[in-house]
Amino acid sequence: MIELENVSYTYGGGELLSDVSVQLQPGSFHFLTGPSGAGKTTLLKLCYGALLPSSGRLSVFDQDISTLDRDQLAVLRRRVGVVHQDCQFLDHMTLAENVALPLMVSGRSETSEQENLTELLSWVGLGARLEALPPELSGGERQRAALARAVILSPDVVLADEPTGNVDWEMSQRLLRLLIELNRMGKTVLIATHDLSLIRAAKSQVQARVLRISQRKLQLAGADL
């Protein structure tokens, strides 16, 4: 589904990732860990084509990403939902309108998808907050809204960059349960986190593989930390 083969990424003359090889199989669940600045966000951006490798081969849905033009890459990205670390919203638009933005960009009508949108926001526990503006939302509500926006196009892969970094433990567990539920629906899930407690909490609920970035290399930690 997503395959990196001997991928390296260089920025500003320095190598951030070196000789990375990994496969994310359909329906798999992975954690990506490592110290701050190790390259977790960079690796996630490679996985959905926001960055291109400096060397090596990157294949997404059996397509070599270096061969795709802009339109082809845009179509491919619709199959990958991304929960960004900073989860930016447009403050003048309601929660429901913000979550529905990917529908508008892809040419699908928000009106025709209204039932699905309402159901999705209820699933993440925001059914009563549809008309709220982003400044009115708590940190946990913003993170759940970001997750809803990432999956509204029903992607095959969900990438989450430190989705629990700005919330308390109870909310981090709630977000984790939502991501595990997505995985049980057949979605491939990759979560970048430095929170080893979160990974340990997940291991009793889902068969997760741990990937660790250290000194620009990716180590496959298997099922154990």
Protein backbone atom coordinates (compact mmCIF):
# COMPACT_ATOMS: atom_id res chain seq x y z
CA MET A 1 0.00 0.00 0.00
CA ILE A 2 2.80 2.41 0.99
CA GLU A 3 6.35 1.23 0.39
CA LEU A 4 9.63 3.06 0.93
CA GLU A 5 12.69 1.41 -0.54
CA ASN A 6 16.13 2.82 0.41
CA VAL A 7 14.59 6.28 0.76
CA SER A 8 16.68 9.21 1.92
CA TYR A 9 15.62 12.82 2.39
CA THR A 10 18.01 15.76 2.44
CA TYR A 11 17.11 19.35 3.31
CA GLY A 12 19.40 22.36 3.41
CA GLY A 13 22.43 20.24 2.74
CA GLY A 14 21.79 17.94 5.70
CA GLU A 15 20.39 14.43 5.59
CA LEU A 16 17.26 14.06 7.74
CA LEU A 17 16.45 10.45 6.83
CA SER A 18 18.84 7.87 5.42
CA ASP A 19 18.24 4.60 3.59
CA VAL A 20 14.72 4.02 4.96
CA SER A 21 12.88 0.88 3.86
CA VAL A 22 9.43 -0.06 5.17
CA GLN A 23 6.08 -1.39 3.94
CA LEU A 24 2.69 -0.38 5.34
CA GLN A 25 0.39 -3.25 4.43
CA PRO A 26 -3.40 -2.86 3.99
CA GLY A 27 -5.15 -2.95 7.36
CA SER A 28 -1.94 -2.68 9.41
CA PHE A 29 -1.46 -0.49 12.49
CA HIS A 30 1.88 1.18 13.11
CA PHE A 31 3.37 3.58 15.62
CA LEU A 32 6.28 5.80 14.60
CA THR A 33 8.41 6.99 17.50
CA GLY A 34 11.70 8.70 18.15
CA PRO A 35 12.98 11.87 19.84
CA SER A 36 11.83 15.35 18.83
CA GLY A 37 13.52 16.38 15.59
CA ALA A 38 14.26 12.78 14.58
CA GLY A 39 12.25 13.06 11.36
CA LYS A 40 8.81 11.62 12.24
CA THR A 41 6.89 14.43 10.53
CA THR A 42 9.21 14.27 7.53
CA LEU A 43 8.53 10.54 7.14
CA LEU A 44 4.77 11.11 7.34
CA LYS A 45 5.00 13.82 4.67
CA LEU A 46 6.87 11.41 2.41
CA CYS A 47 4.09 8.84 2.89
CA TYR A 48 1.44 11.15 1.41
CA GLY A 49 3.55 12.92 -1.17
CA ALA A 50 3.94 16.30 0.51
CA LEU A 51 7.69 15.67 0.20
CA LEU A 52 9.54 13.65 -2.42
CA PRO A 53 12.57 11.48 -1.60
CA SER A 54 16.03 12.80 -2.37
CA SER A 55 16.92 9.25 -3.33
CA GLY A 56 15.33 5.82 -3.26
CA ARG A 57 11.88 4.68 -4.35
CA LEU A 58 8.52 5.60 -2.83
CA SER A 59 5.42 3.70 -3.97
CA VAL A 60 1.89 4.59 -2.83
CA PHE A 61 -1.00 2.36 -3.91
CA ASP A 62 1.36 0.62 -6.34
CA GLN A 63 2.28 3.91 -8.03
CA ASP A 64 5.81 5.29 -8.06
CA ILE A 65 5.18 8.76 -6.66
CA SER A 66 8.02 10.31 -8.70
CA THR A 67 6.12 9.53 -11.93
CA LEU A 68 2.88 11.30 -10.98
CA ASP A 69 1.89 14.73 -12.21
CA ARG A 70 0.16 17.29 -10.00
CA ASP A 71 -3.39 16.12 -10.77
CA GLN A 72 -2.54 12.45 -10.29
CA LEU A 73 -0.90 13.26 -6.97
CA ALA A 74 -4.00 15.18 -5.85
CA VAL A 75 -6.21 12.16 -6.61
CA LEU A 76 -3.85 9.87 -4.72
CA ARG A 77 -3.84 12.14 -1.66
CA ARG A 78 -7.61 11.79 -1.34
CA ARG A 79 -6.99 8.18 -0.36
CA VAL A 80 -4.75 9.27 2.53
CA GLY A 81 -6.25 11.08 5.53
CA VAL A 82 -3.82 13.21 7.54
CA VAL A 83 -4.26 14.50 11.09
CA HIS A 84 -1.72 17.32 11.35
CA GLN A 85 0.00 18.17 14.60
CA ASP A 86 -1.16 21.80 14.56
CA CYS A 87 -4.73 21.06 13.21
CA GLN A 88 -5.43 24.44 11.61
CA PHE A 89 -9.03 25.58 11.07
CA LEU A 90 -10.71 28.58 9.47
CA ASP A 91 -12.03 30.56 12.43
CA HIS A 92 -14.89 32.22 10.54
CA MET A 93 -16.40 28.87 9.54
CA THR A 94 -18.37 26.51 11.76
CA LEU A 95 -17.00 23.17 12.90
CA ALA A 96 -19.20 21.34 10.39
CA GLU A 97 -18.04 23.60 7.54
CA ASN A 98 -14.38 23.10 8.47
CA VAL A 99 -14.74 19.33 8.57
CA ALA A 100 -16.57 19.39 5.21
CA LEU A 101 -13.80 21.34 3.42
CA PRO A 102 -12.25 18.22 1.81
CA LEU A 103 -15.66 17.49 0.24
CA MET A 104 -15.69 20.90 -1.42
CA VAL A 105 -12.10 20.58 -2.64
CA SER A 106 -12.86 17.17 -4.19
CA GLY A 107 -15.98 18.49 -5.91
CA ARG A 108 -18.50 16.67 -3.74
CA SER A 109 -21.49 18.57 -2.41
CA GLU A 110 -21.64 19.20 1.31
CA THR A 111 -25.45 19.20 1.05
CA SER A 112 -25.60 15.71 -0.47
CA GLU A 113 -23.16 14.46 2.16
CA GLN A 114 -24.92 16.14 5.09
CA GLU A 115 -26.16 12.90 6.63
CA ASN A 116 -22.70 11.34 6.47
CA LEU A 117 -21.16 14.52 7.89
CA THR A 118 -23.56 14.58 10.83
CA GLU A 119 -22.99 10.88 11.48
CA LEU A 120 -19.20 11.35 11.36
CA LEU A 121 -19.25 14.24 13.84
CA SER A 122 -21.46 12.21 16.16
CA TRP A 123 -18.97 9.33 15.89
CA VAL A 124 -16.15 11.55 17.18
CA GLY A 125 -18.42 12.92 19.92
CA LEU A 126 -19.06 16.33 18.37
CA GLY A 127 -22.66 15.90 17.27
CA ALA A 128 -23.77 18.78 19.49
CA ARG A 129 -21.02 21.14 18.31
CA LEU A 130 -21.75 21.41 14.57
CA GLU A 131 -22.31 25.18 14.68
CA ALA A 132 -19.43 25.98 17.04
CA LEU A 133 -16.59 28.14 15.75
CA PRO A 134 -12.99 26.87 16.13
CA PRO A 135 -12.01 29.41 18.85
CA GLU A 136 -14.82 27.97 20.99
CA LEU A 137 -13.42 24.44 20.87
CA SER A 138 -11.28 22.79 23.52
CA GLY A 139 -8.00 21.11 22.60
CA GLY A 140 -9.63 17.69 22.65
CA GLU A 141 -12.52 18.87 20.49
CA ARG A 142 -10.10 20.34 17.96
CA GLN A 143 -8.18 17.07 17.74
CA ARG A 144 -11.38 15.06 17.23
CA ALA A 145 -12.53 17.55 14.59
CA ALA A 146 -9.15 17.17 12.86
CA LEU A 147 -9.62 13.40 12.83
CA ALA A 148 -13.13 13.76 11.40
CA ARG A 149 -11.83 16.05 8.64
CA ALA A 150 -9.05 13.57 7.85
CA VAL A 151 -11.45 10.66 7.30
CA ILE A 152 -14.44 12.39 5.69
CA LEU A 153 -13.41 11.17 2.22
CA SER A 154 -13.16 7.60 3.58
CA PRO A 155 -9.43 7.22 2.93
CA ASP A 156 -7.62 3.89 2.84
CA VAL A 157 -4.78 5.18 5.02
CA VAL A 158 -4.86 7.44 8.09
CA LEU A 159 -1.64 9.22 9.14
CA ALA A 160 -1.70 11.03 12.49
CA ASP A 161 1.13 13.31 13.59
CA GLU A 162 1.27 13.54 17.41
CA PRO A 163 -2.56 13.48 17.64
CA THR A 164 -2.50 13.34 21.45
CA GLY A 165 0.34 15.80 22.03
CA ASN A 166 -1.85 18.65 23.34
CA VAL A 167 -4.55 16.77 25.26
CA ASP A 168 -4.81 15.06 28.63
CA TRP A 169 -4.53 11.31 29.16
CA GLU A 170 -8.28 10.66 29.16
CA MET A 171 -8.71 12.45 25.82
CA SER A 172 -5.64 10.74 24.36
CA GLN A 173 -7.27 7.39 25.16
CA ARG A 174 -10.49 8.51 23.48
CA LEU A 175 -8.60 9.52 20.35
CA LEU A 176 -6.69 6.25 20.40
CA ARG A 177 -9.95 4.26 20.56
CA LEU A 178 -11.23 6.15 17.49
CA LEU A 179 -8.05 5.36 15.56
CA ILE A 180 -8.24 1.68 16.59
CA GLU A 181 -11.86 1.59 15.45
CA LEU A 182 -10.80 2.97 12.05
CA ASN A 183 -8.21 0.21 11.83
CA ARG A 184 -10.87 -2.39 12.58
CA MET A 185 -12.85 -0.96 9.66
CA GLY A 186 -9.90 -1.94 7.47
CA LYS A 187 -7.96 1.33 7.40
CA THR A 188 -4.18 1.33 7.53
CA VAL A 189 -3.13 3.55 10.47
CA LEU A 190 0.25 5.15 11.20
CA ILE A 191 0.57 7.29 14.35
CA ALA A 192 3.68 9.37 15.00
CA THR A 193 4.14 9.86 18.74
CA HIS A 194 6.82 10.27 21.37
CA ASP A 195 4.40 9.00 24.05
CA LEU A 196 5.47 5.46 24.92
CA SER A 197 2.61 5.21 27.45
CA LEU A 198 0.16 5.64 24.58
CA ILE A 199 1.84 2.85 22.64
CA ARG A 200 1.75 0.53 25.65
CA ALA A 201 -1.93 1.31 26.19
CA ALA A 202 -2.68 0.44 22.57
CA LYS A 203 -0.92 -2.91 22.63
CA SER A 204 -3.70 -4.57 24.64
CA GLN A 205 -6.27 -3.38 22.10
CA VAL A 206 -4.66 -3.78 18.70
CA GLN A 207 -1.80 -5.64 17.04
CA ALA A 208 0.54 -2.73 16.46
CA ARG A 209 4.02 -2.58 15.04
CA VAL A 210 6.46 -0.01 16.35
CA LEU A 211 8.83 1.85 14.02
CA ARG A 212 11.60 3.88 15.63
CA ILE A 213 13.70 6.60 14.02
CA SER A 214 17.20 6.86 15.46
CA GLN A 215 20.19 8.64 13.95
CA ARG A 216 18.35 9.16 10.63
CA LYS A 217 17.64 5.42 10.31
CA LEU A 218 14.35 3.55 10.72
CA GLN A 219 14.41 0.57 13.05
CA LEU A 220 11.66 -2.03 12.97
CA ALA A 221 10.89 -2.73 16.61
CA GLY A 222 8.37 -5.47 15.79
CA ALA A 223 5.62 -6.02 18.36
CA ASP A 224 7.80 -5.08 21.32
CA LEU A 225 9.03 -1.75 22.62
